[in-house]
């Protein structure tokens, strides 16, 4: 009984040792800063995910795009940190917003000059999940989340 157990343990240790540690590819650096996430992406962070690691959108219509940088990936999409460039450097506008292969969409409603925006993700059930984010005076926060079923999408 011990011989098969010892053989199995040796096999497991050998296999584990030969597997590369890809923790750096999916675990974002802390603290989350624009520079740290950029460097992490350059080193291969989130390289195995299908979703874009970066999106750009001018949220305050100053002709300078804000930047969404991927910080985590999962089956339906990706979590992004949102940054804007100021005279003092990069400032985080949201620690995490939902996104996917669908681009972020600027909405007409504004708060203190910052537009609301929307993201959509596949629901996994044939529809989509729609997230709306709004400016609360200090940062972007999730305003609403709504699933749009395939029946609604395709008028079935």
N, C-alpha and C. Protein backbone atom coordinates (compact mmCIF):
# COMPACT_ATOMS: atom_id res chain seq x y z
N UNK A 1 0.82 -1.19 0.00
CA UNK A 1 0.00 0.00 0.00
C UNK A 1 0.87 1.26 0.00
N UNK A 2 2.00 1.25 0.73
CA UNK A 2 2.83 2.45 0.81
C UNK A 2 3.60 2.68 -0.49
N UNK A 3 3.96 1.60 -1.20
CA UNK A 3 4.71 1.77 -2.44
C UNK A 3 3.91 2.57 -3.47
N UNK A 4 2.63 2.26 -3.74
CA UNK A 4 1.86 3.07 -4.69
C UNK A 4 1.69 4.51 -4.21
N UNK A 5 1.54 4.69 -2.91
CA UNK A 5 1.37 6.04 -2.36
C UNK A 5 2.64 6.85 -2.54
N UNK A 6 3.80 6.26 -2.27
CA UNK A 6 5.08 6.94 -2.44
C UNK A 6 5.30 7.27 -3.91
N UNK A 7 4.98 6.33 -4.79
CA UNK A 7 5.13 6.57 -6.23
C UNK A 7 4.25 7.72 -6.68
N UNK A 8 3.01 7.74 -6.20
CA UNK A 8 2.10 8.82 -6.57
C UNK A 8 2.61 10.17 -6.08
N UNK A 9 3.09 10.23 -4.84
CA UNK A 9 3.60 11.48 -4.29
C UNK A 9 4.83 11.97 -5.06
N UNK A 10 5.73 11.08 -5.42
CA UNK A 10 6.88 11.47 -6.22
C UNK A 10 6.46 12.00 -7.59
N UNK A 11 5.49 11.31 -8.20
CA UNK A 11 4.97 11.77 -9.50
C UNK A 11 4.35 13.16 -9.37
N UNK A 12 3.57 13.38 -8.33
CA UNK A 12 2.90 14.67 -8.13
C UNK A 12 3.91 15.79 -7.91
N UNK A 13 4.95 15.52 -7.12
CA UNK A 13 5.98 16.53 -6.86
C UNK A 13 6.74 16.85 -8.14
N UNK A 14 7.08 15.84 -8.91
CA UNK A 14 7.80 16.06 -10.18
C UNK A 14 6.96 16.86 -11.16
N UNK A 15 5.71 16.51 -11.27
CA UNK A 15 4.82 17.23 -12.20
C UNK A 15 4.65 18.67 -11.77
N UNK A 16 4.47 18.88 -10.48
CA UNK A 16 4.29 20.24 -9.98
C UNK A 16 5.54 21.07 -10.21
N UNK A 17 6.70 20.48 -10.01
CA UNK A 17 7.95 21.22 -10.19
C UNK A 17 8.16 21.60 -11.65
N UNK A 18 7.65 20.77 -12.59
CA UNK A 18 7.88 21.07 -13.99
C UNK A 18 6.89 22.10 -14.54
N UNK A 19 5.79 22.33 -13.84
CA UNK A 19 4.81 23.33 -14.27
C UNK A 19 5.34 24.71 -13.95
N UNK A 20 5.34 25.63 -14.92
CA UNK A 20 5.80 26.99 -14.63
C UNK A 20 4.79 27.70 -13.73
N UNK A 21 5.27 28.54 -12.86
CA UNK A 21 4.40 29.32 -11.98
C UNK A 21 3.91 30.53 -12.77
N UNK A 22 2.63 30.51 -13.14
CA UNK A 22 2.09 31.60 -13.94
C UNK A 22 1.30 32.59 -13.09
N UNK A 23 1.53 32.59 -11.77
CA UNK A 23 0.82 33.50 -10.88
C UNK A 23 0.96 34.93 -11.35
N UNK A 24 2.13 35.31 -11.83
CA UNK A 24 2.35 36.68 -12.28
C UNK A 24 1.49 37.04 -13.49
N UNK A 25 1.03 36.05 -14.24
CA UNK A 25 0.23 36.35 -15.42
C UNK A 25 -1.21 36.71 -15.07
N UNK A 26 -1.69 36.30 -13.89
CA UNK A 26 -3.08 36.60 -13.55
C UNK A 26 -3.26 37.37 -12.26
N UNK A 27 -2.24 37.52 -11.43
CA UNK A 27 -2.37 38.24 -10.16
C UNK A 27 -1.75 39.62 -10.30
N UNK A 28 -2.62 40.63 -10.28
CA UNK A 28 -2.14 42.00 -10.48
C UNK A 28 -1.30 42.49 -9.30
N UNK A 29 -0.42 43.44 -9.55
CA UNK A 29 0.42 43.98 -8.48
C UNK A 29 -0.41 44.85 -7.54
N UNK A 30 0.05 44.95 -6.33
CA UNK A 30 -0.54 45.84 -5.31
C UNK A 30 0.54 46.81 -4.87
N UNK A 31 0.24 48.05 -4.66
CA UNK A 31 -1.05 48.68 -4.93
C UNK A 31 -1.27 48.84 -6.43
N UNK A 32 -2.53 49.02 -6.79
CA UNK A 32 -2.87 49.21 -8.20
C UNK A 32 -2.55 50.65 -8.58
N UNK A 33 -1.57 50.80 -9.45
CA UNK A 33 -1.24 52.12 -10.00
C UNK A 33 -1.14 51.96 -11.51
N UNK A 34 -1.23 53.07 -12.21
CA UNK A 34 -1.12 53.04 -13.67
C UNK A 34 0.22 52.43 -14.08
N UNK A 35 1.29 52.89 -13.48
CA UNK A 35 2.63 52.42 -13.84
C UNK A 35 2.82 50.93 -13.54
N UNK A 36 2.31 50.49 -12.37
CA UNK A 36 2.46 49.08 -11.99
C UNK A 36 1.69 48.16 -12.93
N UNK A 37 0.47 48.56 -13.30
CA UNK A 37 -0.32 47.72 -14.20
C UNK A 37 0.29 47.71 -15.60
N UNK A 38 0.77 48.85 -16.08
CA UNK A 38 1.44 48.89 -17.38
C UNK A 38 2.65 47.95 -17.40
N UNK A 39 3.47 48.02 -16.35
CA UNK A 39 4.66 47.16 -16.27
C UNK A 39 4.25 45.69 -16.21
N UNK A 40 3.23 45.38 -15.46
CA UNK A 40 2.73 44.01 -15.33
C UNK A 40 2.26 43.49 -16.69
N UNK A 41 1.50 44.30 -17.43
CA UNK A 41 1.08 43.90 -18.78
C UNK A 41 2.29 43.64 -19.67
N UNK A 42 3.30 44.50 -19.59
CA UNK A 42 4.51 44.34 -20.41
C UNK A 42 5.24 43.04 -20.07
N UNK A 43 5.13 42.59 -18.82
CA UNK A 43 5.77 41.35 -18.39
C UNK A 43 4.90 40.12 -18.64
N UNK A 44 3.72 40.31 -19.25
CA UNK A 44 2.85 39.18 -19.58
C UNK A 44 1.60 39.07 -18.76
N UNK A 45 1.32 40.04 -17.91
CA UNK A 45 0.10 40.01 -17.11
C UNK A 45 -1.15 39.93 -17.97
N UNK A 46 -2.02 38.99 -17.67
CA UNK A 46 -3.29 38.74 -18.36
C UNK A 46 -3.12 38.33 -19.83
N UNK A 47 -1.93 37.87 -20.20
CA UNK A 47 -1.69 37.53 -21.60
C UNK A 47 -2.55 36.37 -22.09
N UNK A 48 -3.00 35.50 -21.20
CA UNK A 48 -3.76 34.33 -21.64
C UNK A 48 -5.26 34.59 -21.75
N UNK A 49 -5.71 35.80 -21.47
CA UNK A 49 -7.13 36.11 -21.56
C UNK A 49 -7.49 36.65 -22.94
N UNK A 50 -8.71 36.36 -23.38
CA UNK A 50 -9.17 36.77 -24.71
C UNK A 50 -9.52 38.25 -24.78
N UNK A 51 -9.86 38.83 -23.68
CA UNK A 51 -10.38 40.20 -23.66
C UNK A 51 -9.25 41.21 -23.81
N UNK A 52 -9.54 42.37 -24.39
CA UNK A 52 -8.52 43.42 -24.50
C UNK A 52 -8.04 43.84 -23.11
N UNK A 53 -6.75 44.02 -22.96
CA UNK A 53 -6.20 44.45 -21.67
C UNK A 53 -6.31 45.95 -21.48
N UNK A 54 -6.69 46.67 -22.53
CA UNK A 54 -6.78 48.13 -22.44
C UNK A 54 -7.93 48.65 -23.30
N UNK A 55 -8.62 49.62 -22.75
CA UNK A 55 -9.63 50.39 -23.50
C UNK A 55 -9.38 51.86 -23.23
N UNK A 56 -9.83 52.71 -24.14
CA UNK A 56 -9.69 54.16 -23.98
C UNK A 56 -11.03 54.82 -24.30
N UNK A 57 -11.34 55.88 -23.52
CA UNK A 57 -12.58 56.62 -23.74
C UNK A 57 -12.44 57.98 -23.06
N UNK A 58 -12.80 59.04 -23.76
CA UNK A 58 -12.73 60.40 -23.20
C UNK A 58 -14.00 60.64 -22.38
N UNK A 59 -13.90 60.51 -21.08
CA UNK A 59 -15.07 60.58 -20.20
C UNK A 59 -15.46 62.00 -19.80
N UNK A 60 -14.54 62.95 -19.90
CA UNK A 60 -14.87 64.33 -19.51
C UNK A 60 -14.74 65.31 -20.68
N UNK A 61 -14.65 64.81 -21.86
CA UNK A 61 -14.59 65.58 -23.11
C UNK A 61 -13.52 66.67 -23.09
N UNK A 62 -12.35 66.32 -22.58
CA UNK A 62 -11.22 67.26 -22.59
C UNK A 62 -10.23 66.92 -23.71
N UNK A 63 -10.62 66.02 -24.58
CA UNK A 63 -9.82 65.54 -25.71
C UNK A 63 -8.62 64.68 -25.27
N UNK A 64 -8.63 64.27 -24.02
CA UNK A 64 -7.62 63.34 -23.50
C UNK A 64 -8.37 62.10 -23.03
N UNK A 65 -8.02 60.96 -23.59
CA UNK A 65 -8.75 59.75 -23.23
C UNK A 65 -8.35 59.21 -21.86
N UNK A 66 -9.34 58.78 -21.11
CA UNK A 66 -9.09 58.04 -19.89
C UNK A 66 -8.78 56.60 -20.31
N UNK A 67 -8.06 55.89 -19.46
CA UNK A 67 -7.57 54.55 -19.83
C UNK A 67 -8.07 53.51 -18.83
N UNK A 68 -8.67 52.46 -19.39
CA UNK A 68 -9.12 51.30 -18.62
C UNK A 68 -8.03 50.25 -18.79
N UNK A 69 -7.41 49.82 -17.70
CA UNK A 69 -6.36 48.80 -17.75
C UNK A 69 -6.84 47.53 -17.04
N UNK A 70 -6.72 46.39 -17.73
CA UNK A 70 -7.16 45.12 -17.17
C UNK A 70 -6.38 44.75 -15.92
N UNK A 71 -7.13 44.34 -14.89
CA UNK A 71 -6.50 43.91 -13.64
C UNK A 71 -6.84 42.46 -13.29
N UNK A 72 -7.90 41.92 -13.90
CA UNK A 72 -8.23 40.51 -13.68
C UNK A 72 -9.15 40.03 -14.79
N UNK A 73 -9.00 38.77 -15.16
CA UNK A 73 -9.81 38.18 -16.19
C UNK A 73 -10.59 37.00 -15.66
N UNK A 74 -11.72 36.74 -16.29
CA UNK A 74 -12.55 35.59 -15.94
C UNK A 74 -13.32 35.19 -17.19
N UNK A 75 -14.14 34.17 -17.10
CA UNK A 75 -14.78 33.59 -18.27
C UNK A 75 -15.59 34.55 -19.13
N UNK A 76 -16.35 35.44 -18.51
CA UNK A 76 -17.23 36.32 -19.28
C UNK A 76 -16.61 37.67 -19.60
N UNK A 77 -15.54 38.04 -18.93
CA UNK A 77 -14.99 39.36 -19.16
C UNK A 77 -13.73 39.64 -18.38
N UNK A 78 -13.57 40.90 -18.04
CA UNK A 78 -12.36 41.33 -17.36
C UNK A 78 -12.69 42.50 -16.44
N UNK A 79 -12.01 42.57 -15.31
CA UNK A 79 -12.10 43.73 -14.43
C UNK A 79 -11.02 44.72 -14.83
N UNK A 80 -11.38 46.00 -14.86
CA UNK A 80 -10.46 47.06 -15.27
C UNK A 80 -10.34 48.11 -14.17
N UNK A 81 -9.16 48.67 -14.02
CA UNK A 81 -8.96 49.88 -13.22
C UNK A 81 -9.00 51.04 -14.21
N UNK A 82 -9.57 52.15 -13.78
CA UNK A 82 -9.75 53.30 -14.67
C UNK A 82 -8.86 54.45 -14.20
N UNK A 83 -8.10 55.03 -15.15
CA UNK A 83 -7.15 56.10 -14.83
C UNK A 83 -7.35 57.31 -15.74
N UNK A 84 -7.00 58.48 -15.21
CA UNK A 84 -6.93 59.70 -16.01
C UNK A 84 -5.57 60.34 -15.78
N UNK A 85 -5.09 61.06 -16.77
CA UNK A 85 -3.79 61.73 -16.64
C UNK A 85 -4.01 63.17 -16.20
N UNK A 86 -3.30 63.58 -15.16
CA UNK A 86 -3.37 64.95 -14.65
C UNK A 86 -1.96 65.54 -14.67
N UNK A 87 -1.86 66.81 -14.33
CA UNK A 87 -0.55 67.47 -14.27
C UNK A 87 0.35 66.79 -13.24
N UNK A 88 -0.25 66.21 -12.21
CA UNK A 88 0.51 65.54 -11.15
C UNK A 88 0.82 64.07 -11.47
N UNK A 89 0.32 63.56 -12.59
CA UNK A 89 0.54 62.16 -12.95
C UNK A 89 -0.77 61.43 -13.13
N UNK A 90 -0.73 60.11 -13.07
CA UNK A 90 -1.91 59.29 -13.29
C UNK A 90 -2.73 59.17 -12.01
N UNK A 91 -4.01 59.39 -12.13
CA UNK A 91 -4.94 59.32 -11.00
C UNK A 91 -5.97 58.22 -11.28
N UNK A 92 -6.24 57.38 -10.29
CA UNK A 92 -7.23 56.32 -10.43
C UNK A 92 -8.63 56.92 -10.25
N UNK A 93 -9.51 56.63 -11.22
CA UNK A 93 -10.90 57.08 -11.15
C UNK A 93 -11.83 55.97 -10.68
N UNK A 94 -11.42 54.72 -10.83
CA UNK A 94 -12.19 53.58 -10.35
C UNK A 94 -11.23 52.42 -10.15
N UNK A 95 -11.35 51.77 -9.00
CA UNK A 95 -10.47 50.64 -8.71
C UNK A 95 -10.85 49.41 -9.54
N UNK A 96 -12.16 49.30 -9.87
CA UNK A 96 -12.58 48.14 -10.66
C UNK A 96 -13.90 48.42 -11.35
N UNK A 97 -13.92 48.21 -12.66
CA UNK A 97 -15.16 48.24 -13.45
C UNK A 97 -15.18 46.99 -14.31
N UNK A 98 -16.39 46.54 -14.63
CA UNK A 98 -16.56 45.34 -15.46
C UNK A 98 -16.41 45.70 -16.93
N UNK A 99 -15.83 44.79 -17.69
CA UNK A 99 -15.69 44.99 -19.13
C UNK A 99 -15.51 43.66 -19.83
N UNK A 100 -15.44 43.72 -21.16
CA UNK A 100 -15.24 42.51 -21.96
C UNK A 100 -14.72 42.91 -23.34
N UNK A 101 -15.07 42.15 -24.35
CA UNK A 101 -14.65 42.46 -25.71
C UNK A 101 -15.51 43.57 -26.32
N UNK A 102 -16.62 43.92 -25.68
CA UNK A 102 -17.43 45.06 -26.11
C UNK A 102 -16.79 46.34 -25.59
N UNK A 103 -16.68 47.34 -26.43
CA UNK A 103 -16.07 48.60 -25.99
C UNK A 103 -16.97 49.30 -24.97
N UNK A 104 -16.37 50.14 -24.16
CA UNK A 104 -17.11 50.96 -23.22
C UNK A 104 -17.85 52.04 -24.01
N UNK A 105 -19.03 52.42 -23.56
CA UNK A 105 -19.85 53.38 -24.30
C UNK A 105 -20.12 54.62 -23.44
N UNK A 106 -19.83 55.78 -24.00
CA UNK A 106 -20.08 57.05 -23.34
C UNK A 106 -21.58 57.33 -23.35
N UNK A 107 -22.14 57.72 -22.21
CA UNK A 107 -23.56 58.04 -22.11
C UNK A 107 -23.72 59.56 -21.97
N UNK A 108 -24.86 60.11 -22.34
CA UNK A 108 -25.03 61.57 -22.33
C UNK A 108 -25.07 62.20 -20.93
N UNK A 109 -25.54 61.48 -19.94
CA UNK A 109 -25.67 62.06 -18.60
C UNK A 109 -24.30 62.35 -18.00
N UNK A 110 -24.18 63.53 -17.36
CA UNK A 110 -22.90 63.96 -16.76
C UNK A 110 -23.10 64.37 -15.31
N UNK A 111 -22.01 64.28 -14.56
CA UNK A 111 -21.95 64.76 -13.17
C UNK A 111 -20.61 65.45 -13.01
N UNK A 112 -20.63 66.73 -12.71
CA UNK A 112 -19.39 67.52 -12.56
C UNK A 112 -18.50 67.43 -13.80
N UNK A 113 -19.10 67.30 -14.98
CA UNK A 113 -18.33 67.24 -16.23
C UNK A 113 -17.89 65.84 -16.62
N UNK A 114 -18.16 64.84 -15.80
CA UNK A 114 -17.78 63.46 -16.10
C UNK A 114 -19.00 62.69 -16.57
N UNK A 115 -18.91 62.11 -17.75
CA UNK A 115 -20.02 61.34 -18.32
C UNK A 115 -20.19 59.99 -17.63
N UNK A 116 -21.44 59.56 -17.53
CA UNK A 116 -21.71 58.17 -17.20
C UNK A 116 -21.20 57.33 -18.38
N UNK A 117 -20.90 56.07 -18.12
CA UNK A 117 -20.52 55.17 -19.20
C UNK A 117 -21.10 53.80 -18.94
N UNK A 118 -21.15 53.00 -20.00
CA UNK A 118 -21.75 51.68 -19.93
C UNK A 118 -20.77 50.64 -20.45
N UNK A 119 -20.84 49.46 -19.86
CA UNK A 119 -20.11 48.31 -20.39
C UNK A 119 -21.09 47.15 -20.50
N UNK A 120 -20.80 46.24 -21.42
CA UNK A 120 -21.64 45.05 -21.59
C UNK A 120 -20.76 43.82 -21.61
N UNK A 121 -21.30 42.75 -21.03
CA UNK A 121 -20.61 41.46 -20.98
C UNK A 121 -21.57 40.37 -21.41
N UNK A 122 -21.07 39.31 -21.99
CA UNK A 122 -21.94 38.16 -22.27
C UNK A 122 -22.48 37.62 -20.94
N UNK A 123 -23.73 37.22 -20.92
CA UNK A 123 -24.32 36.71 -19.68
C UNK A 123 -24.00 35.24 -19.44
N UNK A 124 -23.64 34.53 -20.50
CA UNK A 124 -23.43 33.09 -20.37
C UNK A 124 -24.72 32.32 -20.60
N UNK A 125 -25.82 33.05 -20.80
CA UNK A 125 -27.12 32.43 -21.04
C UNK A 125 -27.72 32.93 -22.37
N UNK A 126 -26.89 33.45 -23.24
CA UNK A 126 -27.35 33.92 -24.53
C UNK A 126 -27.69 35.40 -24.58
N UNK A 127 -27.67 36.06 -23.46
CA UNK A 127 -27.96 37.50 -23.41
C UNK A 127 -26.71 38.28 -23.03
N UNK A 128 -26.92 39.47 -22.51
CA UNK A 128 -25.81 40.31 -22.06
C UNK A 128 -26.13 40.90 -20.69
N UNK A 129 -25.10 41.29 -20.00
CA UNK A 129 -25.25 42.03 -18.75
C UNK A 129 -24.72 43.43 -19.00
N UNK A 130 -25.53 44.40 -18.67
CA UNK A 130 -25.21 45.80 -18.93
C UNK A 130 -24.92 46.49 -17.59
N UNK A 131 -23.74 47.11 -17.49
CA UNK A 131 -23.35 47.85 -16.31
C UNK A 131 -23.29 49.33 -16.66
N UNK A 132 -23.81 50.19 -15.78
CA UNK A 132 -23.70 51.63 -15.95
C UNK A 132 -22.92 52.16 -14.75
N UNK A 133 -21.94 53.03 -15.05
CA UNK A 133 -21.11 53.64 -14.02
C UNK A 133 -21.33 55.14 -14.04
N UNK A 134 -21.29 55.75 -12.85
CA UNK A 134 -21.54 57.18 -12.72
C UNK A 134 -20.49 57.81 -11.81
N UNK A 135 -20.27 59.10 -11.99
CA UNK A 135 -19.32 59.85 -11.19
C UNK A 135 -20.01 60.32 -9.92
N UNK A 136 -19.40 60.04 -8.75
CA UNK A 136 -20.01 60.44 -7.48
C UNK A 136 -19.35 61.68 -6.87
N UNK A 137 -18.51 62.35 -7.62
CA UNK A 137 -17.80 63.53 -7.14
C UNK A 137 -16.35 63.24 -6.80
N UNK A 138 -16.02 61.96 -6.58
CA UNK A 138 -14.66 61.55 -6.25
C UNK A 138 -14.14 60.43 -7.14
N UNK A 139 -15.06 59.55 -7.55
CA UNK A 139 -14.68 58.38 -8.32
C UNK A 139 -15.89 57.84 -9.07
N UNK A 140 -15.64 56.90 -9.97
CA UNK A 140 -16.73 56.22 -10.65
C UNK A 140 -17.20 55.05 -9.80
N UNK A 141 -18.52 54.93 -9.70
CA UNK A 141 -19.13 53.83 -8.97
C UNK A 141 -20.17 53.16 -9.86
N UNK A 142 -20.50 51.93 -9.55
CA UNK A 142 -21.53 51.22 -10.32
C UNK A 142 -22.90 51.81 -9.97
N UNK A 143 -23.60 52.26 -10.98
CA UNK A 143 -24.94 52.84 -10.81
C UNK A 143 -26.01 51.76 -10.97
N UNK A 144 -25.82 50.88 -11.96
CA UNK A 144 -26.81 49.83 -12.19
C UNK A 144 -26.19 48.65 -12.91
N UNK A 145 -26.85 47.52 -12.75
CA UNK A 145 -26.49 46.28 -13.44
C UNK A 145 -27.80 45.65 -13.87
N UNK A 146 -27.86 45.24 -15.13
CA UNK A 146 -29.10 44.68 -15.65
C UNK A 146 -28.79 43.60 -16.67
N UNK A 147 -29.46 42.46 -16.52
CA UNK A 147 -29.31 41.41 -17.53
C UNK A 147 -30.37 41.59 -18.60
N UNK A 148 -29.94 41.56 -19.84
CA UNK A 148 -30.85 41.61 -20.98
C UNK A 148 -30.83 40.21 -21.57
N UNK A 149 -31.96 39.53 -21.48
CA UNK A 149 -32.03 38.14 -21.91
C UNK A 149 -31.98 38.03 -23.42
N UNK A 150 -31.71 36.84 -23.91
CA UNK A 150 -31.70 36.60 -25.36
C UNK A 150 -33.08 36.87 -25.95
N UNK A 151 -34.14 36.60 -25.19
CA UNK A 151 -35.50 36.88 -25.68
C UNK A 151 -35.68 38.37 -25.92
N UNK A 152 -35.17 39.19 -25.01
CA UNK A 152 -35.27 40.64 -25.18
C UNK A 152 -34.39 41.11 -26.35
N UNK A 153 -33.18 40.57 -26.43
CA UNK A 153 -32.27 40.97 -27.50
C UNK A 153 -32.79 40.66 -28.88
N UNK A 154 -33.40 39.48 -29.01
CA UNK A 154 -33.82 39.02 -30.33
C UNK A 154 -35.33 39.09 -30.53
N UNK A 155 -36.01 39.78 -29.62
CA UNK A 155 -37.46 40.01 -29.69
C UNK A 155 -38.24 38.71 -29.91
N UNK A 156 -37.90 37.72 -29.13
CA UNK A 156 -38.57 36.40 -29.25
C UNK A 156 -39.78 36.34 -28.37
